[in-house]
C-alpha atoms as a PDB file:
ATOM      1  CA  MET A   1      12.174  -4.428   9.669  1.00  0.00           C
ATOM      2  CA  ALA A   2       9.659  -6.249  12.014  1.00  0.00           C
ATOM      3  CA  LYS A   3       6.693  -7.452  10.163  1.00  0.00           C
ATOM      4  CA  LYS A   4       3.564  -5.385  10.048  1.00  0.00           C
ATOM      5  CA  LEU A   5       0.685  -6.448  11.647  1.00  0.00           C
ATOM      6  CA  LYS A   6      -2.359  -6.680   9.616  1.00  0.00           C
ATOM      7  CA  ASN A   7      -5.374  -6.589  11.994  1.00  0.00           C
ATOM      8  CA  ALA A   8      -8.422  -4.585  10.702  1.00  0.00           C
ATOM      9  CA  LEU A   9     -11.576  -3.571  11.796  1.00  0.00           C
ATOM     10  CA  VAL A  10     -14.639  -2.746   8.992  1.00  0.00           C
ATOM     11  CA  THR A  11     -17.275  -1.203   9.785  1.00  0.00           C
ATOM     12  CA  GLY A  12     -20.503  -2.251   7.854  1.00  0.00           C
ATOM     13  CA  ALA A  13     -18.425  -5.091   6.541  1.00  0.00           C
ATOM     14  CA  ALA A  14     -21.751  -8.049   6.652  1.00  0.00           C
ATOM     15  CA  SER A  15     -22.906  -6.801   3.471  1.00  0.00           C
ATOM     16  CA  ARG A  16     -22.401  -5.014  -0.039  1.00  0.00           C
ATOM     17  CA  LEU A  17     -19.487  -2.935  -0.333  1.00  0.00           C
ATOM     18  CA  GLY A  18     -18.418  -3.157   3.684  1.00  0.00           C
ATOM     19  CA  ALA A  19     -18.389  -7.081   2.921  1.00  0.00           C
ATOM     20  CA  GLU A  20     -16.241  -6.716  -0.593  1.00  0.00           C
ATOM     21  CA  ILE A  21     -13.871  -4.884   1.407  1.00  0.00           C
ATOM     22  CA  ALA A  22     -14.068  -7.136   4.074  1.00  0.00           C
ATOM     23  CA  VAL A  23     -13.067 -10.261   2.073  1.00  0.00           C
ATOM     24  CA  ALA A  24     -10.438  -8.306   0.142  1.00  0.00           C
ATOM     25  CA  LEU A  25      -8.247  -7.420   3.008  1.00  0.00           C
ATOM     26  CA  ALA A  26      -8.445 -10.790   3.877  1.00  0.00           C
ATOM     27  CA  GLU A  27      -7.200 -11.973   0.536  1.00  0.00           C
ATOM     28  CA  ASP A  28      -4.045  -9.683   1.103  1.00  0.00           C
ATOM     29  CA  GLY A  29      -3.349 -11.294   4.281  1.00  0.00           C
ATOM     30  CA  TRP A  30      -5.234  -9.105   6.661  1.00  0.00           C
ATOM     31  CA  ASN A  31      -7.430 -10.138   9.986  1.00  0.00           C
ATOM     32  CA  VAL A  32     -10.539  -9.225   9.733  1.00  0.00           C
ATOM     33  CA  ALA A  33     -13.211  -7.790  12.274  1.00  0.00           C
ATOM     34  CA  VAL A  34     -16.451  -7.929  10.526  1.00  0.00           C
ATOM     35  CA  HIS A  35     -18.795  -5.563  12.171  1.00  0.00           C
ATOM     36  CA  HIS A  36     -22.248  -5.445  11.863  1.00  0.00           C
ATOM     37  CA  ASN A  37     -25.480  -4.418  13.224  1.00  0.00           C
ATOM     38  CA  ASN A  38     -28.886  -5.948  11.624  1.00  0.00           C
ATOM     39  CA  SER A  39     -27.391  -7.785   8.527  1.00  0.00           C
ATOM     40  CA  ASN A  40     -26.102 -11.331   8.924  1.00  0.00           C
ATOM     41  CA  PRO A  41     -22.553 -11.846   8.660  1.00  0.00           C
ATOM     42  CA  ASP A  42     -22.656 -15.662   7.768  1.00  0.00           C
ATOM     43  CA  LYS A  43     -21.852 -15.182   4.106  1.00  0.00           C
ATOM     44  CA  VAL A  44     -18.814 -13.032   4.237  1.00  0.00           C
ATOM     45  CA  LEU A  45     -17.423 -14.569   7.346  1.00  0.00           C
ATOM     46  CA  ALA A  46     -17.667 -17.867   5.226  1.00  0.00           C
ATOM     47  CA  ARG A  47     -15.885 -16.148   1.996  1.00  0.00           C
ATOM     48  CA  ILE A  48     -13.069 -14.422   4.790  1.00  0.00           C
ATOM     49  CA  ASN A  49     -12.450 -18.076   6.403  1.00  0.00           C
ATOM     50  CA  LYS A  50     -11.450 -19.679   2.885  1.00  0.00           C
ATOM     51  CA  THR A  51      -8.645 -17.292   2.504  1.00  0.00           C
ATOM     52  CA  GLY A  52      -6.962 -18.813   5.913  1.00  0.00           C
ATOM     53  CA  VAL A  53      -6.773 -15.584   7.584  1.00  0.00           C
ATOM     54  CA  LYS A  54      -8.403 -15.155  11.120  1.00  0.00           C
ATOM     55  CA  THR A  55     -11.603 -13.431  11.595  1.00  0.00           C
ATOM     56  CA  THR A  56     -14.729 -12.154  13.683  1.00  0.00           C
ATOM     57  CA  ALA A  57     -18.174 -10.970  13.822  1.00  0.00           C
ATOM     58  CA  LEU A  58     -18.755  -8.160  15.910  1.00  0.00           C
ATOM     59  CA  LYS A  59     -22.283  -6.831  16.657  1.00  0.00           C
ATOM     60  CA  ALA A  60     -23.076  -3.002  17.544  1.00  0.00           C
ATOM     61  CA  ASP A  61     -25.687  -0.303  16.643  1.00  0.00           C
ATOM     62  CA  LEU A  62     -23.719   2.833  15.885  1.00  0.00           C
ATOM     63  CA  LEU A  63     -26.404   4.676  16.837  1.00  0.00           C
ATOM     64  CA  ASP A  64     -25.485   3.905  20.291  1.00  0.00           C
ATOM     65  CA  ILE A  65     -22.037   5.666  21.822  1.00  0.00           C
ATOM     66  CA  ASN A  66     -22.316   3.178  24.540  1.00  0.00           C
ATOM     67  CA  GLN A  67     -21.363   0.093  21.800  1.00  0.00           C
ATOM     68  CA  VAL A  68     -19.211   2.475  19.901  1.00  0.00           C
ATOM     69  CA  SER A  69     -16.666   3.096  22.232  1.00  0.00           C
ATOM     70  CA  LYS A  70     -16.452  -0.508  23.024  1.00  0.00           C
ATOM     71  CA  LEU A  71     -16.070  -1.754  19.316  1.00  0.00           C
ATOM     72  CA  ILE A  72     -12.215  -1.275  18.701  1.00  0.00           C
ATOM     73  CA  GLN A  73     -11.682  -3.229  22.173  1.00  0.00           C
ATOM     74  CA  ARG A  74     -13.579  -6.207  21.077  1.00  0.00           C
ATOM     75  CA  ALA A  75     -11.984  -6.132  18.030  1.00  0.00           C
ATOM     76  CA  ALA A  76      -8.377  -6.033  19.196  1.00  0.00           C
ATOM     77  CA  LYS A  77      -9.195  -8.769  22.064  1.00  0.00           C
ATOM     78  CA  GLU A  78     -10.438 -11.169  19.263  1.00  0.00           C
ATOM     79  CA  LEU A  79      -7.541 -10.074  16.989  1.00  0.00           C
ATOM     80  CA  GLY A  80      -4.839  -8.305  18.520  1.00  0.00           C
ATOM     81  CA  GLU A  81      -3.727  -4.591  18.343  1.00  0.00           C
ATOM     82  CA  ILE A  82      -6.199  -3.535  15.003  1.00  0.00           C
ATOM     83  CA  THR A  83      -3.667  -1.730  12.999  1.00  0.00           C
ATOM     84  CA  LEU A  84      -6.348  -0.601  10.361  1.00  0.00           C
ATOM     85  CA  LEU A  85      -9.834   0.461  10.721  1.00  0.00           C
ATOM     86  CA  VAL A  86     -12.286   1.398   7.691  1.00  0.00           C
ATOM     87  CA  ASN A  87     -15.130   3.613   8.344  1.00  0.00           C
ATOM     88  CA  SER A  88     -17.543   2.121   5.815  1.00  0.00           C
ATOM     89  CA  ALA A  89     -20.868   1.535   7.289  1.00  0.00           C
ATOM     90  CA  SER A  90     -23.003   4.013   5.860  1.00  0.00           C
ATOM     91  CA  ILE A  91     -27.189   4.937   5.489  1.00  0.00           C
ATOM     92  CA  PHE A  92     -28.092   6.518   2.301  1.00  0.00           C
ATOM     93  CA  GLU A  93     -31.649   8.057   2.150  1.00  0.00           C
ATOM     94  CA  HIS A  94     -33.652  10.434   0.067  1.00  0.00           C
ATOM     95  CA  ILE A  95     -34.372  12.954   2.010  1.00  0.00           C
ATOM     96  CA  LYS A  96     -34.552  16.786   1.020  1.00  0.00           C
ATOM     97  CA  PHE A  97     -33.925  19.791   2.966  1.00  0.00           C
ATOM     98  CA  MET A  98     -37.160  20.602   3.314  1.00  0.00           C
ATOM     99  CA  GLU A  99     -38.251  17.412   4.730  1.00  0.00           C
ATOM    100  CA  SER A 100     -35.440  16.320   7.082  1.00  0.00           C
ATOM    101  CA  ASP A 101     -36.376  16.057  10.392  1.00  0.00           C
ATOM    102  CA  GLU A 102     -34.378  15.324  13.467  1.00  0.00           C
ATOM    103  CA  ASN A 103     -34.028  11.714  13.860  1.00  0.00           C
ATOM    104  CA  ALA A 104     -32.970  11.794  10.018  1.00  0.00           C
ATOM    105  CA  TYR A 105     -30.409  14.252  10.685  1.00  0.00           C
ATOM    106  CA  ASP A 106     -29.200  12.565  13.676  1.00  0.00           C
ATOM    107  CA  SER A 107     -28.541   9.050  12.118  1.00  0.00           C
ATOM    108  CA  HIS A 108     -26.595  10.441   9.229  1.00  0.00           C
ATOM    109  CA  MET A 109     -24.448  12.518  11.193  1.00  0.00           C
ATOM    110  CA  ASP A 110     -24.061   9.378  13.940  1.00  0.00           C
ATOM    111  CA  ILE A 111     -23.049   6.714  11.560  1.00  0.00           C
ATOM    112  CA  HIS A 112     -21.091   9.063   8.941  1.00  0.00           C
ATOM    113  CA  VAL A 113     -19.346  11.445  11.741  1.00  0.00           C
ATOM    114  CA  LYS A 114     -19.988  10.730  15.253  1.00  0.00           C
ATOM    115  CA  ALA A 115     -19.182   6.848  15.050  1.00  0.00           C
ATOM    116  CA  PRO A 116     -16.207   7.373  13.023  1.00  0.00           C
ATOM    117  CA  PHE A 117     -14.709  10.200  15.377  1.00  0.00           C
ATOM    118  CA  PHE A 118     -14.718   7.850  18.195  1.00  0.00           C
ATOM    119  CA  LEU A 119     -13.630   4.764  16.753  1.00  0.00           C
ATOM    120  CA  SER A 120     -10.755   6.588  15.421  1.00  0.00           C
ATOM    121  CA  GLN A 121      -9.889   8.161  19.165  1.00  0.00           C
ATOM    122  CA  GLU A 122     -10.492   4.422  20.289  1.00  0.00           C
ATOM    123  CA  PHE A 123      -8.302   3.363  17.551  1.00  0.00           C
ATOM    124  CA  ALA A 124      -5.290   5.594  18.614  1.00  0.00           C
ATOM    125  CA  LEU A 125      -5.164   5.116  21.791  1.00  0.00           C
ATOM    126  CA  GLN A 126      -4.530   1.175  21.227  1.00  0.00           C
ATOM    127  CA  CYS A 127      -2.247   1.560  18.137  1.00  0.00           C
ATOM    128  CA  HIS A 128       1.041   2.631  17.660  1.00  0.00           C
ATOM    129  CA  LYS A 129       1.194   2.444  14.397  1.00  0.00           C
ATOM    130  CA  GLY A 130      -1.602   2.089  11.911  1.00  0.00           C
ATOM    131  CA  GLN A 131      -4.067   3.788   9.230  1.00  0.00           C
ATOM    132  CA  ILE A 132      -7.409   4.372   9.031  1.00  0.00           C
ATOM    133  CA  ILE A 133      -9.714   4.688   5.978  1.00  0.00           C
ATOM    134  CA  ASN A 134     -12.650   6.631   5.499  1.00  0.00           C
ATOM    135  CA  ILE A 135     -15.003   5.548   2.876  1.00  0.00           C
ATOM    136  CA  ILE A 136     -17.006   8.805   1.612  1.00  0.00           C
ATOM    137  CA  ASP A 137     -18.667   9.609  -1.914  1.00  0.00           C
ATOM    138  CA  SER A 138     -17.417  11.020  -4.999  1.00  0.00           C
ATOM    139  CA  ALA A 139     -20.926  12.566  -5.808  1.00  0.00           C
ATOM    140  CA  ILE A 140     -19.755  14.774  -2.765  1.00  0.00           C
ATOM    141  CA  GLN A 141     -19.077  17.149  -5.386  1.00  0.00           C
ATOM    142  CA  LYS A 142     -22.334  17.656  -6.521  1.00  0.00           C
ATOM    143  CA  ASN A 143     -24.222  18.095  -3.566  1.00  0.00           C
ATOM    144  CA  ASN A 144     -26.943  16.266  -4.342  1.00  0.00           C
ATOM    145  CA  GLY A 145     -30.133  18.070  -2.868  1.00  0.00           C
ATOM    146  CA  GLY A 146     -32.299  15.324  -2.977  1.00  0.00           C
ATOM    147  CA  HIS A 147     -30.373  13.491   0.027  1.00  0.00           C
ATOM    148  CA  PHE A 148     -29.246  16.428   1.365  1.00  0.00           C
ATOM    149  CA  VAL A 149     -28.547  14.836   5.027  1.00  0.00           C
ATOM    150  CA  TYR A 150     -26.575  12.236   3.506  1.00  0.00           C
ATOM    151  CA  PHE A 151     -24.325  14.574   1.588  1.00  0.00           C
ATOM    152  CA  LEU A 152     -23.813  17.182   4.406  1.00  0.00           C
ATOM    153  CA  SER A 153     -22.647  14.310   6.859  1.00  0.00           C
ATOM    154  CA  LYS A 154     -20.492  12.948   4.044  1.00  0.00           C
ATOM    155  CA  HIS A 155     -18.776  16.581   3.887  1.00  0.00           C
ATOM    156  CA  ALA A 156     -18.498  16.358   7.419  1.00  0.00           C
ATOM    157  CA  LEU A 157     -16.879  12.946   7.043  1.00  0.00           C
ATOM    158  CA  ARG A 158     -14.111  15.105   4.752  1.00  0.00           C
ATOM    159  CA  ASP A 159     -13.329  17.165   6.940  1.00  0.00           C
ATOM    160  CA  LEU A 160     -12.919  14.721   9.794  1.00  0.00           C
ATOM    161  CA  SER A 161     -10.322  12.882   7.564  1.00  0.00           C
ATOM    162  CA  GLN A 162      -8.248  15.803   6.447  1.00  0.00           C
ATOM    163  CA  MET A 163      -8.250  17.262  10.344  1.00  0.00           C
ATOM    164  CA  LEU A 164      -7.433  13.343  11.974  1.00  0.00           C
ATOM    165  CA  ALA A 165      -4.746  13.288   9.036  1.00  0.00           C
ATOM    166  CA  LYS A 166      -3.062  16.293  10.259  1.00  0.00           C
ATOM    167  CA  LYS A 167      -3.487  15.431  13.870  1.00  0.00           C
ATOM    168  CA  LEU A 168      -2.408  11.872  14.148  1.00  0.00           C
ATOM    169  CA  ALA A 169       0.305  12.313  12.083  1.00  0.00           C
ATOM    170  CA  PRO A 170       2.816  10.464  11.464  1.00  0.00           C
ATOM    171  CA  ASN A 171       2.015   7.258  13.457  1.00  0.00           C
ATOM    172  CA  ILE A 172      -1.128   6.545  11.700  1.00  0.00           C
ATOM    173  CA  GLN A 173      -2.268   7.714   8.529  1.00  0.00           C
ATOM    174  CA  VAL A 174      -5.683   8.617   7.813  1.00  0.00           C
ATOM    175  CA  ASN A 175      -6.856   9.070   3.795  1.00  0.00           C
ATOM    176  CA  ALA A 176      -9.898   8.879   2.236  1.00  0.00           C
ATOM    177  CA  VAL A 177     -11.598   6.786  -0.645  1.00  0.00           C
ATOM    178  CA  LEU A 178     -14.722   8.459  -2.673  1.00  0.00           C
ATOM    179  CA  PRO A 179     -16.267   5.469  -4.735  1.00  0.00           C
ATOM    180  CA  GLY A 180     -18.515   6.312  -7.416  1.00  0.00           C
ATOM    181  CA  ILE A 181     -21.822   4.113  -8.442  1.00  0.00           C
ATOM    182  CA  VAL A 182     -20.695   0.571  -8.145  1.00  0.00           C
ATOM    183  CA  GLU A 183     -21.854  -1.754 -10.402  1.00  0.00           C
ATOM    184  CA  GLU A 184     -22.403  -4.856  -8.060  1.00  0.00           C
ATOM    185  CA  PHE A 185     -25.001  -2.893  -6.318  1.00  0.00           C
ATOM    186  CA  ALA A 186     -26.310  -0.702  -8.997  1.00  0.00           C
ATOM    187  CA  THR A 187     -30.064  -0.685  -9.847  1.00  0.00           C
ATOM    188  CA  ASN A 188     -32.411   0.912 -12.122  1.00  0.00           C
ATOM    189  CA  VAL A 189     -28.984   2.362 -13.832  1.00  0.00           C
ATOM    190  CA  SER A 190     -29.248   3.632 -17.652  1.00  0.00           C
ATOM    191  CA  PRO A 191     -27.291   1.735 -20.075  1.00  0.00           C
ATOM    192  CA  ARG A 192     -25.327   4.973 -20.898  1.00  0.00           C
ATOM    193  CA  LEU A 193     -24.195   5.286 -17.147  1.00  0.00           C
ATOM    194  CA  LYS A 194     -23.416   1.868 -17.165  1.00  0.00           C
ATOM    195  CA  GLU A 195     -20.742   2.250 -20.360  1.00  0.00           C
ATOM    196  CA  SER A 196     -19.513   5.371 -18.747  1.00  0.00           C
ATOM    197  CA  SER A 197     -19.608   5.738 -14.975  1.00  0.00           C
ATOM    198  CA  LEU A 198     -19.918   2.523 -13.158  1.00  0.00           C
ATOM    199  CA  VAL A 199     -17.020   1.003 -11.217  1.00  0.00           C
ATOM    200  CA  SER A 200     -15.981  -2.293  -9.887  1.00  0.00           C
ATOM    201  CA  ALA A 201     -15.925  -3.568  -6.426  1.00  0.00           C
ATOM    202  CA  LYS A 202     -12.626  -4.873  -7.692  1.00  0.00           C
ATOM    203  CA  GLN A 203     -11.401  -1.149  -8.809  1.00  0.00           C
ATOM    204  CA  LEU A 204     -12.721   0.099  -5.474  1.00  0.00           C
ATOM    205  CA  THR A 205     -11.147  -2.646  -3.512  1.00  0.00           C
ATOM    206  CA  GLY A 206      -8.347  -2.184  -5.294  1.00  0.00           C
ATOM    207  CA  ALA A 207      -7.401   1.575  -3.932  1.00  0.00           C
ATOM    208  CA  ILE A 208      -8.397   0.241  -0.524  1.00  0.00           C
ATOM    209  CA  ILE A 209      -5.525  -2.185  -0.392  1.00  0.00           C
ATOM    210  CA  SER A 210      -3.524  -0.201  -2.134  1.00  0.00           C
ATOM    211  CA  LEU A 211      -3.559   2.870   0.812  1.00  0.00           C
ATOM    212  CA  ALA A 212      -3.543   0.164   3.114  1.00  0.00           C
ATOM    213  CA  ASN A 213      -0.178  -1.115   2.106  1.00  0.00           C
ATOM    214  CA  SER A 214       1.084   2.291   1.563  1.00  0.00           C
ATOM    215  CA  ASP A 215       2.753   5.236   4.276  1.00  0.00           C
ATOM    216  CA  LEU A 216       0.681   7.807   2.525  1.00  0.00           C
ATOM    217  CA  THR A 217      -1.286  10.141   4.706  1.00  0.00           C
ATOM    218  CA  GLY A 218      -3.918  12.573   4.020  1.00  0.00           C
ATOM    219  CA  GLN A 219      -5.127  11.393   0.599  1.00  0.00           C
ATOM    220  CA  GLU A 220      -8.394  11.366  -1.596  1.00  0.00           C
ATOM    221  CA  ILE A 221      -9.004   8.709  -4.187  1.00  0.00           C
ATOM    222  CA  PHE A 222     -12.173   9.381  -6.506  1.00  0.00           C
ATOM    223  CA  VAL A 223     -12.746   5.736  -7.952  1.00  0.00           C
ATOM    224  CA  ASP A 224     -15.346   6.925 -10.395  1.00  0.00           C
ATOM    225  CA  ASN A 225     -14.429   6.611 -13.897  1.00  0.00           C
ATOM    226  CA  GLY A 226     -13.700  10.072 -14.164  1.00  0.00           C
ATOM    227  CA  LYS A 227     -17.526  11.213 -13.315  1.00  0.00           C
ATOM    228  CA  LYS A 228     -16.045  13.849 -10.678  1.00  0.00           C
ATOM    229  CA  LEU A 229     -14.872  15.943 -13.276  1.00  0.00           C
ATOM    230  CA  ILE A 230     -18.111  15.920 -15.565  1.00  0.00           C
END
């Protein structure tokens, strides 16, 4: 059996959760292209370099479709054929329905739906066999009205994940991970919530690594300590 080609592109990988995903993949032996825009990628690159894999930083504005359309090719030029795409870039703005304007709507849809759509399209064009993992949000179950366009766009990403899983099978697997509140990045969280609902970045990246090393497709993994059941 041919050795699995392990070259990944992680969007939004210069900070927070995206950075933890990129480092976890590197520790699992994946070469990693670190996508970033305004965040400085130096710290995550330094962490990845300690693992001995190949890495590169790719700056691109996901609100610009011309930059999105070139990102997979740029990553492949640096690492070789990209066999894992992790769509983790995100924005999270507290905007209610009646307060939402066109700019808020477009930015959330562009980053959470449009960019993953066209990145997946380019990925499928250059990848013989691989995987796409989309990062959604376990709170999608609650439809929080305080973040209306955020959750609307995450619902659309969930639908996109399911449609792509069917369309791209069997050569490309498409799955989704739906994290709860990640302890390392939680602020102003009550002690009760800390005890019952928070998950660690390691728990979350463990789910992603498990999917990346599997042949599963069309799956959703909630990493939220069962909060979706409450």
